[in-house]
Protein backbone atom coordinates (compact mmCIF):
# COMPACT_ATOMS: atom_id res chain seq x y z
CA UNK A 1 0.05 -0.30 0.00
CA UNK A 2 1.11 3.73 -0.71
CA UNK A 3 2.22 5.62 2.28
CA UNK A 4 2.37 8.97 0.83
CA UNK A 5 -1.41 10.15 1.14
CA UNK A 6 -3.21 11.61 -1.74
CA UNK A 7 -4.28 15.21 -1.12
CA UNK A 8 -7.42 16.53 -1.38
CA UNK A 9 -8.66 20.20 -1.90
CA UNK A 10 -12.15 21.09 -0.73
CA UNK A 11 -13.75 23.97 -2.62
CA UNK A 12 -17.01 25.17 -0.18
CA UNK A 13 -17.86 24.07 3.20
CA UNK A 14 -21.65 24.60 3.45
CA UNK A 15 -24.00 21.93 4.24
CA UNK A 16 -22.52 19.26 1.77
CA UNK A 17 -18.80 20.33 2.20
CA UNK A 18 -18.63 20.43 5.84
CA UNK A 19 -20.24 16.61 5.62
CA UNK A 20 -17.65 15.56 3.10
CA UNK A 21 -14.88 16.83 5.71
CA UNK A 22 -16.26 15.25 8.71
CA UNK A 23 -16.84 11.78 6.80
CA UNK A 24 -12.94 12.12 5.25
CA UNK A 25 -12.02 12.39 8.99
CA UNK A 26 -14.05 10.08 10.84
CA UNK A 27 -13.74 7.35 8.20
CA UNK A 28 -10.01 7.97 7.31
CA UNK A 29 -9.07 4.30 8.11
CA UNK A 30 -11.93 2.82 5.68
CA UNK A 31 -11.49 5.26 3.06
CA UNK A 32 -7.47 4.21 3.24
CA UNK A 33 -8.57 0.78 2.99
CA UNK A 34 -11.14 1.12 -0.11
CA UNK A 35 -8.65 3.26 -1.73
CA UNK A 36 -5.30 1.59 -1.31
CA UNK A 37 -3.53 4.90 0.22
CA UNK A 38 -4.64 7.37 2.82
CA UNK A 39 -6.20 10.61 1.80
CA UNK A 40 -5.35 13.76 3.49
CA UNK A 41 -7.62 17.02 3.59
CA UNK A 42 -4.83 19.39 2.32
CA UNK A 43 -6.79 22.70 2.28
CA UNK A 44 -10.43 24.17 2.46
CA UNK A 45 -11.43 27.06 0.50
CA UNK A 46 -14.59 29.18 2.02
CA UNK A 47 -15.95 32.80 1.89
CA UNK A 48 -16.04 33.44 5.56
CA UNK A 49 -13.03 32.05 7.67
CA UNK A 50 -14.21 33.07 10.66
CA UNK A 51 -17.11 30.76 10.84
CA UNK A 52 -16.44 27.91 13.26
CA UNK A 53 -16.17 24.79 11.50
CA UNK A 54 -16.13 21.77 13.97
CA UNK A 55 -13.63 18.97 13.09
CA UNK A 56 -11.71 21.06 10.58
CA UNK A 57 -8.33 22.39 11.68
CA UNK A 58 -8.62 25.97 11.20
CA UNK A 59 -4.80 26.12 9.56
CA UNK A 60 -6.58 24.41 6.80
CA UNK A 61 -9.06 27.33 6.06
CA UNK A 62 -8.35 29.94 3.18
CA UNK A 63 -10.20 32.26 1.11
CA UNK A 64 -7.88 32.11 -1.47
CA UNK A 65 -9.41 29.16 -3.58
CA UNK A 66 -7.23 29.87 -6.73
CA UNK A 67 -4.28 29.64 -4.82
CA UNK A 68 -5.36 26.70 -3.38
CA UNK A 69 -5.86 24.61 -6.83
CA UNK A 70 -2.72 25.93 -8.07
CA UNK A 71 -0.46 24.49 -5.36
CA UNK A 72 0.55 21.52 -7.89
CA UNK A 73 0.71 19.00 -5.21
CA UNK A 74 -3.44 18.76 -5.24
CA UNK A 75 -4.46 15.15 -6.48
CA UNK A 76 -8.09 15.64 -6.30
CA UNK A 77 -10.23 18.93 -6.28
CA UNK A 78 -14.06 18.52 -4.53
CA UNK A 79 -15.80 21.46 -5.85
CA UNK A 80 -19.07 22.09 -3.90
CA UNK A 81 -19.67 25.84 -4.00
CA UNK A 82 -22.12 25.49 -6.81
CA UNK A 83 -22.94 28.26 -9.41
CA UNK A 84 -21.02 29.27 -12.60
CA UNK A 85 -18.35 31.30 -11.62
CA UNK A 86 -15.91 31.00 -9.79
CA UNK A 87 -16.43 27.23 -10.05
CA UNK A 88 -15.80 26.99 -13.75
CA UNK A 89 -12.40 28.63 -13.82
CA UNK A 90 -11.46 26.92 -10.42
CA UNK A 91 -12.24 23.46 -12.18
CA UNK A 92 -10.37 24.25 -15.36
CA UNK A 93 -7.41 25.61 -13.31
CA UNK A 94 -7.42 22.65 -11.08
CA UNK A 95 -7.04 20.19 -14.43
CA UNK A 96 -3.90 22.66 -15.54
CA UNK A 97 -2.05 22.17 -12.45
CA UNK A 98 -2.61 18.30 -12.41
CA UNK A 99 -5.70 17.59 -10.32
CA UNK A 100 -8.78 15.66 -11.10
CA UNK A 101 -12.13 16.83 -10.08
CA UNK A 102 -15.20 15.77 -8.29
CA UNK A 103 -18.19 18.15 -8.56
CA UNK A 104 -21.59 18.42 -7.26
CA UNK A 105 -22.25 21.50 -9.72
CA UNK A 106 -25.50 20.52 -11.99
CA UNK A 107 -26.03 24.21 -13.11
CA UNK A 108 -22.35 24.24 -14.46
CA UNK A 109 -22.22 20.85 -15.74
CA UNK A 110 -25.53 21.12 -17.82
CA UNK A 111 -24.26 24.66 -19.21
CA UNK A 112 -20.63 23.84 -19.81
CA UNK A 113 -20.24 20.01 -19.32
CA UNK A 114 -18.83 19.51 -22.74
CA UNK A 115 -16.03 22.17 -22.49
CA UNK A 116 -15.28 20.80 -18.89
CA UNK A 117 -14.96 17.21 -20.16
CA UNK A 118 -12.85 18.59 -23.06
CA UNK A 119 -10.37 19.94 -20.31
CA UNK A 120 -10.16 17.27 -18.45
CA UNK A 121 -9.27 14.78 -21.34
CA UNK A 122 -6.69 17.27 -22.36
CA UNK A 123 -4.78 17.09 -19.28
CA UNK A 124 -5.51 13.66 -18.65
CA UNK A 125 -7.52 13.98 -15.48
CA UNK A 126 -11.04 12.89 -14.34
CA UNK A 127 -14.12 14.65 -13.79
CA UNK A 128 -16.56 12.91 -11.90
CA UNK A 129 -20.33 14.11 -10.48
CA UNK A 130 -22.38 11.75 -9.25
CA UNK A 131 -23.63 14.02 -6.69
CA UNK A 132 -24.86 16.58 -9.33
CA UNK A 133 -28.15 14.43 -9.96
CA UNK A 134 -30.31 12.90 -7.29
CA UNK A 135 -28.01 13.21 -4.25
CA UNK A 136 -27.11 9.88 -2.96
CA UNK A 137 -28.81 7.64 -5.59
CA UNK A 138 -26.03 5.98 -7.88
CA UNK A 139 -27.35 6.92 -11.10
CA UNK A 140 -24.75 8.71 -13.23
CA UNK A 141 -22.16 5.63 -12.81
CA UNK A 142 -24.87 3.04 -13.79
CA UNK A 143 -25.84 5.12 -17.03
CA UNK A 144 -22.50 5.96 -18.08
CA UNK A 145 -20.92 2.58 -17.07
CA UNK A 146 -23.45 -0.25 -16.19
CA UNK A 147 -25.56 0.58 -19.26
CA UNK A 148 -22.76 1.42 -21.46
CA UNK A 149 -23.40 -1.64 -23.82
CA UNK A 150 -27.31 -1.06 -23.86
CA UNK A 151 -29.51 1.41 -25.66
CA UNK A 152 -31.30 3.38 -23.23
CA UNK A 153 -34.90 4.91 -25.06
CA UNK A 154 -36.32 6.95 -21.83
CA UNK A 155 -35.34 8.43 -18.92
CA UNK A 156 -38.34 9.36 -16.59
CA UNK A 157 -37.71 10.78 -13.19
CA UNK A 158 -38.60 12.93 -10.23
CA UNK A 159 -35.26 14.64 -9.56
CA UNK A 160 -36.15 17.65 -6.85
CA UNK A 161 -37.12 16.61 -3.58
CA UNK A 162 -38.64 19.86 -2.68
CA UNK A 163 -41.46 20.04 -5.51
CA UNK A 164 -42.08 16.27 -4.47
CA UNK A 165 -42.56 17.27 -1.24
CA UNK A 166 -45.15 19.98 -1.91
CA UNK A 167 -47.01 17.98 -4.63
CA UNK A 168 -47.14 15.03 -2.19
CA UNK A 169 -48.72 17.31 0.29
CA UNK A 170 -51.13 18.85 -1.99
CA UNK A 171 -52.43 15.37 -3.26
CA UNK A 172 -52.13 13.65 0.46
CA UNK A 173 -53.99 16.51 2.24
CA UNK A 174 -55.96 18.63 -0.11
CA UNK A 175 -53.71 21.58 0.66
CA UNK A 176 -53.22 24.32 -1.80
CA UNK A 177 -49.84 25.09 -3.55
CA UNK A 178 -49.01 27.96 -1.06
CA UNK A 179 -49.95 26.12 1.81
CA UNK A 180 -47.63 23.21 0.84
CA UNK A 181 -45.09 25.65 -0.15
CA UNK A 182 -45.06 27.16 3.33
CA UNK A 183 -44.65 23.84 4.97
CA UNK A 184 -41.83 22.89 2.90
CA UNK A 185 -40.08 25.89 3.69
CA UNK A 186 -40.70 25.73 7.47
CA UNK A 187 -39.29 22.00 7.40
CA UNK A 188 -36.05 23.22 5.53
CA UNK A 189 -37.08 21.51 2.22
CA UNK A 190 -37.59 24.63 0.50
CA UNK A 191 -35.21 27.70 0.33
CA UNK A 192 -36.53 31.18 1.11
CA UNK A 193 -36.32 31.73 -2.49
CA UNK A 194 -37.69 28.39 -3.94
CA UNK A 195 -37.67 29.70 -7.86
CA UNK A 196 -34.89 27.32 -8.72
CA UNK A 197 -36.93 24.56 -7.44
CA UNK A 198 -40.86 25.17 -8.25
CA UNK A 199 -39.90 26.82 -11.82
CA UNK A 200 -38.14 23.67 -12.58
CA UNK A 201 -34.72 25.27 -13.14
CA UNK A 202 -32.99 22.56 -10.89
CA UNK A 203 -34.69 19.75 -12.59
CA UNK A 204 -34.13 21.10 -15.97
CA UNK A 205 -30.32 21.14 -15.41
CA UNK A 206 -30.53 17.57 -14.13
CA UNK A 207 -32.21 16.31 -17.09
CA UNK A 208 -29.86 17.93 -19.38
CA UNK A 209 -27.08 16.09 -17.62
CA UNK A 210 -28.96 12.70 -17.64
CA UNK A 211 -29.99 13.12 -21.40
CA UNK A 212 -26.21 13.50 -22.28
CA UNK A 213 -25.01 10.56 -20.80
CA UNK A 214 -28.04 8.52 -21.53
CA UNK A 215 -28.06 8.95 -25.23
CA UNK A 216 -24.33 9.67 -25.76
CA UNK A 217 -25.38 13.13 -27.08
CA UNK A 218 -24.56 16.52 -25.82
CA UNK A 219 -27.55 18.22 -24.14
CA UNK A 220 -27.23 21.81 -22.76
CA UNK A 221 -29.65 23.44 -20.49
CA UNK A 222 -30.96 25.44 -23.14
CA UNK A 223 -32.07 22.35 -24.89
CA UNK A 224 -34.55 21.64 -22.12
CA UNK A 225 -38.21 22.51 -22.21
CA UNK A 226 -38.96 23.90 -18.71
CA UNK A 227 -42.30 24.55 -17.01
CA UNK A 228 -42.74 24.84 -13.01
CA UNK A 229 -45.44 23.97 -11.02
CA UNK A 230 -46.75 26.79 -9.24
CA UNK A 231 -49.89 26.57 -11.22
CA UNK A 232 -50.78 23.39 -10.26
CA UNK A 233 -54.23 23.39 -8.29
CA UNK A 234 -56.34 21.26 -5.63
CA UNK A 235 -58.84 21.16 -8.97
CA UNK A 236 -56.02 19.40 -10.89
CA UNK A 237 -55.57 16.66 -8.27
CA UNK A 238 -59.06 16.10 -8.00
CA UNK A 239 -58.96 15.48 -11.78
CA UNK A 240 -55.91 13.15 -11.74
CA UNK A 241 -57.65 11.23 -9.05
CA UNK A 242 -60.79 10.66 -11.31
CA UNK A 243 -58.30 9.39 -13.79
CA UNK A 244 -56.48 7.02 -11.41
CA UNK A 245 -53.41 9.40 -11.61
CA UNK A 246 -51.17 11.75 -9.47
CA UNK A 247 -49.50 14.41 -10.28
CA UNK A 248 -45.56 14.72 -10.18
CA UNK A 249 -42.85 17.28 -11.49
CA UNK A 250 -41.01 14.89 -13.91
CA UNK A 251 -37.85 15.19 -16.05
CA UNK A 252 -38.31 13.34 -19.26
CA UNK A 253 -35.63 12.35 -21.76
CA UNK A 254 -36.54 10.27 -24.77
CA UNK A 255 -35.13 8.76 -27.81
CA UNK A 256 -37.56 9.49 -30.74
CA UNK A 257 -39.24 6.17 -32.25
CA UNK A 258 -36.85 6.33 -35.29
CA UNK A 259 -33.83 6.85 -33.16
CA UNK A 260 -32.63 9.70 -34.70
CA UNK A 261 -33.40 12.44 -32.06
CA UNK A 262 -34.02 13.14 -28.57
CA UNK A 263 -35.77 15.55 -26.24
CA UNK A 264 -35.74 16.50 -22.67
CA UNK A 265 -38.38 18.42 -20.88
CA UNK A 266 -39.35 19.12 -17.21
CA UNK A 267 -42.92 19.77 -16.46
CA UNK A 268 -45.89 18.73 -14.05
CA UNK A 269 -47.47 15.73 -15.53
CA UNK A 270 -50.36 13.19 -14.21
CA UNK A 271 -49.07 9.79 -13.92
CA UNK A 272 -50.94 6.61 -13.19
CA UNK A 273 -51.00 5.15 -9.75
CA UNK A 274 -49.91 1.91 -11.10
CA UNK A 275 -46.57 3.42 -11.94
CA UNK A 276 -43.93 3.24 -9.59
CA UNK A 277 -42.83 6.72 -9.42
CA UNK A 278 -46.67 7.53 -8.23
CA UNK A 279 -45.52 6.09 -4.99
CA UNK A 280 -42.46 8.30 -4.32
CA UNK A 281 -43.37 10.22 -1.36
CA UNK A 282 -42.10 13.48 0.56
CA UNK A 283 -38.48 14.72 -0.58
CA UNK A 284 -37.64 11.74 -2.09
CA UNK A 285 -36.02 11.16 -5.57
CA UNK A 286 -36.80 8.39 -8.21
CA UNK A 287 -35.31 8.00 -11.67
CA UNK A 288 -37.03 5.18 -13.90
CA UNK A 289 -34.91 3.78 -16.91
CA UNK A 290 -36.16 2.11 -19.83
CA UNK A 291 -33.74 0.11 -21.99
CA UNK A 292 -33.72 -2.21 -24.70
CA UNK A 293 -31.79 -5.08 -23.12
CA UNK A 294 -32.04 -4.48 -19.35
CA UNK A 295 -35.72 -3.19 -19.50
CA UNK A 296 -37.02 -1.23 -16.78
CA UNK A 297 -35.11 0.12 -14.08
CA UNK A 298 -35.90 2.17 -11.16
CA UNK A 299 -33.28 4.07 -8.72
CA UNK A 300 -34.75 5.65 -5.65
CA UNK A 301 -33.59 7.29 -2.80
CA UNK A 302 -32.91 10.56 -0.59
CA UNK A 303 -32.06 13.24 -3.33
CA UNK A 304 -30.86 15.87 -1.44
CA UNK A 305 -29.41 16.69 1.92
CA UNK A 306 -25.61 17.01 3.57
CA UNK A 307 -25.18 13.33 4.12
CA UNK A 308 -26.70 11.65 1.09
CA UNK A 309 -24.87 14.25 -1.30
CA UNK A 310 -21.72 13.88 0.55
CA UNK A 311 -22.13 9.99 0.28
CA UNK A 312 -22.13 10.42 -3.48
CA UNK A 313 -19.04 12.87 -3.42
CA UNK A 314 -17.18 10.33 -1.59
CA UNK A 315 -18.02 7.58 -3.82
CA UNK A 316 -16.30 9.70 -6.55
CA UNK A 317 -13.45 10.71 -4.50
CA UNK A 318 -12.72 6.94 -3.96
CA UNK A 319 -13.08 5.98 -7.62
CA UNK A 320 -10.99 8.95 -8.83
CA UNK A 321 -8.39 8.23 -6.16
CA UNK A 322 -8.01 4.66 -7.33
CA UNK A 323 -7.69 5.94 -10.98
CA UNK A 324 -4.94 8.08 -9.70
CA UNK A 325 -2.89 5.25 -8.25
CA UNK A 326 -3.45 3.14 -11.31
CA UNK A 327 -2.48 5.99 -13.71
CA UNK A 328 -5.44 5.92 -15.38
CA UNK A 329 -8.77 7.80 -15.65
CA UNK A 330 -12.17 6.95 -15.84
CA UNK A 331 -14.88 7.10 -18.71
CA UNK A 332 -15.22 11.04 -19.74
CA UNK A 333 -17.89 12.03 -22.05
CA UNK A 334 -19.38 9.98 -24.56
CA UNK A 335 -21.14 12.01 -27.10
CA UNK A 336 -20.17 9.90 -30.08
CA UNK A 337 -23.91 9.56 -31.31
CA UNK A 338 -24.39 13.26 -31.67
CA UNK A 339 -28.23 13.14 -31.86
CA UNK A 340 -30.48 16.03 -32.80
CA UNK A 341 -32.23 17.45 -30.07
CA UNK A 342 -35.77 18.20 -31.32
CA UNK A 343 -37.99 21.10 -29.89
CA UNK A 344 -40.70 20.58 -27.76
CA UNK A 345 -43.12 20.66 -30.39
CA UNK A 346 -42.11 17.30 -31.62
CA UNK A 347 -43.14 15.59 -28.49
CA UNK A 348 -45.80 13.25 -28.55
CA UNK A 349 -47.83 12.39 -25.59
CA UNK A 350 -51.38 12.48 -23.96
CA UNK A 351 -53.06 15.51 -22.54
CA UNK A 352 -55.73 16.46 -19.69
CA UNK A 353 -57.36 19.94 -20.72
CA UNK A 354 -60.06 21.54 -18.40
CA UNK A 355 -62.03 24.10 -20.09
CA UNK A 356 -64.54 26.85 -18.69
CA UNK A 357 -67.28 26.85 -21.23
CA UNK A 358 -70.78 28.39 -21.52
CA UNK A 359 -73.35 26.07 -20.30
CA UNK A 360 -75.61 25.71 -23.19
CA UNK A 361 -76.38 23.09 -26.25
CA UNK A 362 -73.77 22.81 -28.79
CA UNK A 363 -70.36 23.80 -27.00
CA UNK A 364 -69.51 20.23 -27.01
CA UNK A 365 -69.76 19.48 -30.59
CA UNK A 366 -67.82 23.10 -31.22
CA UNK A 367 -64.98 21.83 -28.82
CA UNK A 368 -64.90 18.50 -30.60
CA UNK A 369 -64.58 20.08 -34.00
CA UNK A 370 -61.63 22.04 -33.02
CA UNK A 371 -59.64 18.98 -32.01
CA UNK A 372 -60.55 17.16 -34.80
CA UNK A 373 -59.49 19.94 -37.30
CA UNK A 374 -56.02 19.94 -35.61
CA UNK A 375 -55.56 16.29 -35.83
CA UNK A 376 -55.98 15.65 -31.91
CA UNK A 377 -57.90 12.62 -31.20
CA UNK A 378 -60.28 12.41 -27.95
CA UNK A 379 -60.09 9.79 -25.51
CA UNK A 380 -62.67 10.98 -23.12
CA UNK A 381 -64.99 13.81 -22.19
CA UNK A 382 -66.53 15.00 -18.91
CA UNK A 383 -69.06 17.50 -18.56
CA UNK A 384 -69.65 19.02 -15.14
CA UNK A 385 -71.89 22.13 -14.31
CA UNK A 386 -70.85 24.47 -11.75
CA UNK A 387 -73.61 23.03 -9.70
CA UNK A 388 -71.34 19.87 -9.29
CA UNK A 389 -73.40 17.71 -11.68
CA UNK A 390 -71.32 15.48 -14.14
CA UNK A 391 -72.06 13.26 -16.83
CA UNK A 392 -69.97 11.65 -19.86
CA UNK A 393 -72.53 12.44 -22.65
CA UNK A 394 -75.25 14.61 -23.89
CA UNK A 395 -75.36 18.25 -23.79
CA UNK A 396 -75.34 20.94 -21.22
CA UNK A 397 -78.18 22.55 -19.48
CA UNK A 398 -78.59 26.24 -20.72
CA UNK A 399 -78.02 29.59 -18.78
CA UNK A 400 -74.69 29.19 -16.81
CA UNK A 401 -71.15 28.11 -16.92
CA UNK A 402 -69.63 24.47 -16.92
CA UNK A 403 -66.20 22.78 -17.12
CA UNK A 404 -65.36 20.48 -19.85
CA UNK A 405 -62.67 18.13 -19.31
CA UNK A 406 -61.26 16.52 -22.45
CA UNK A 407 -58.53 13.60 -22.24
CA UNK A 408 -56.79 13.00 -25.69
CA UNK A 409 -55.19 10.02 -27.40
CA UNK A 410 -51.28 10.70 -28.12
CA UNK A 411 -50.66 13.63 -29.97
CA UNK A 412 -47.60 16.33 -31.04
CA UNK A 413 -47.05 19.10 -28.56
CA UNK A 414 -47.34 21.38 -31.59
CA UNK A 415 -50.89 19.89 -32.44
CA UNK A 416 -51.81 20.46 -29.02
CA UNK A 417 -50.94 24.08 -28.89
CA UNK A 418 -52.58 24.86 -31.91
CA UNK A 419 -55.68 23.32 -30.69
CA UNK A 420 -55.74 25.40 -27.45
CA UNK A 421 -55.21 28.65 -29.40
CA UNK A 422 -58.22 28.00 -31.48
CA UNK A 423 -60.38 26.95 -28.34
CA UNK A 424 -59.46 30.33 -26.89
CA UNK A 425 -61.00 31.87 -30.01
CA UNK A 426 -64.28 30.46 -29.65
CA UNK A 427 -67.07 32.42 -27.83
CA UNK A 428 -68.33 29.61 -26.05
CA UNK A 429 -64.95 28.88 -24.24
CA UNK A 430 -64.64 31.30 -21.42
CA UNK A 431 -61.20 30.05 -20.70
CA UNK A 432 -58.69 27.21 -20.43
CA UNK A 433 -58.17 26.44 -16.72
CA UNK A 434 -55.61 23.68 -17.22
CA UNK A 435 -53.54 21.69 -19.20
CA UNK A 436 -51.62 18.50 -18.22
CA UNK A 437 -49.89 16.22 -19.82
CA UNK A 438 -50.28 12.37 -18.86
CA UNK A 439 -47.01 10.37 -18.90
CA UNK A 440 -46.10 7.09 -17.66
CA UNK A 441 -48.65 4.85 -19.42
């Protein structure tokens, strides 16, 4: 066994970074046995050096992250500061000065993953980032290595714990969106500014990473269609239950039927209660992978938090250190397929549309005609007067308002968009209350 320790620089010492440092210290002997050499925390770059950090030698603390990664004796840099800059510059500087990198930075990888992989390859170093998607759940490595010989056709997942907690609370208790968000904030699941989570930015970055690895194609954050879940209502959940569904914010990455293109999207969707993802509760994450040879696989577990994320970081650390000892590198970017990334309009799925309409004869026929003119086939229709009465056939009583719920067969997103625009132009349609995709069937 090598006796000279492998030196590790830690960039960031917040919730995740402090847990990484703690485990490196308390599990030092185990890490040594697993790697084949001791690992030594050689420096910790922080913004506020005066903050007390239990278990970390104050002599290791520095505010000069650039000087730390330029030292030349650093074997591995762990980056958990997040954001685009200075993380991007620090990572490329680390490669230039001989260090491999372990990162949890989903936003940076989704935006500049190709450039970072190119820099790692140029300098013969590793770039690992299991912690960037779904916390402790082993997902990146299975896609990149275990399924490397298979053809992945679809990745469907819940990759944001905050939104899953909120939607689960709305489903199980009947709470409204704001009430569920307030509880998530009080429990520490949601940030003071929850925009990145509830508007789907966090999940979109993860979808870009997953799509790139699954389909061996460069997929950037800008390629991912994104919709948030702030407009989901209790009425949407009531409609979902009538269909035997629940609602989840899903990241969906798909290969087209002809195999020549891929799509990546994030949006709320109805999903059947029979689907494994429907039973994912609270702040947990789960990702469902469909491949030709392996079939259907599901990865499930805690998707955030200091300890789970630190577990993924340290798993990468062990792998990178082993590579270092063997004078090798692990798998880098594999974008050999170079498939086209198609726009959202090409996506084909089913839809649930809720309309507020005039309660008078002829409305259903008008609505059905619009769907037919745009090539969108109707599966079921449910009519309901504002007094709560419902039926599946016949026309409305006159003299008031009613809701009309239409569930379609599979159609393109572009066709559905055209249908909705035309429906809004009808005098008898007072408003489009809700549009929800139906997935996982």
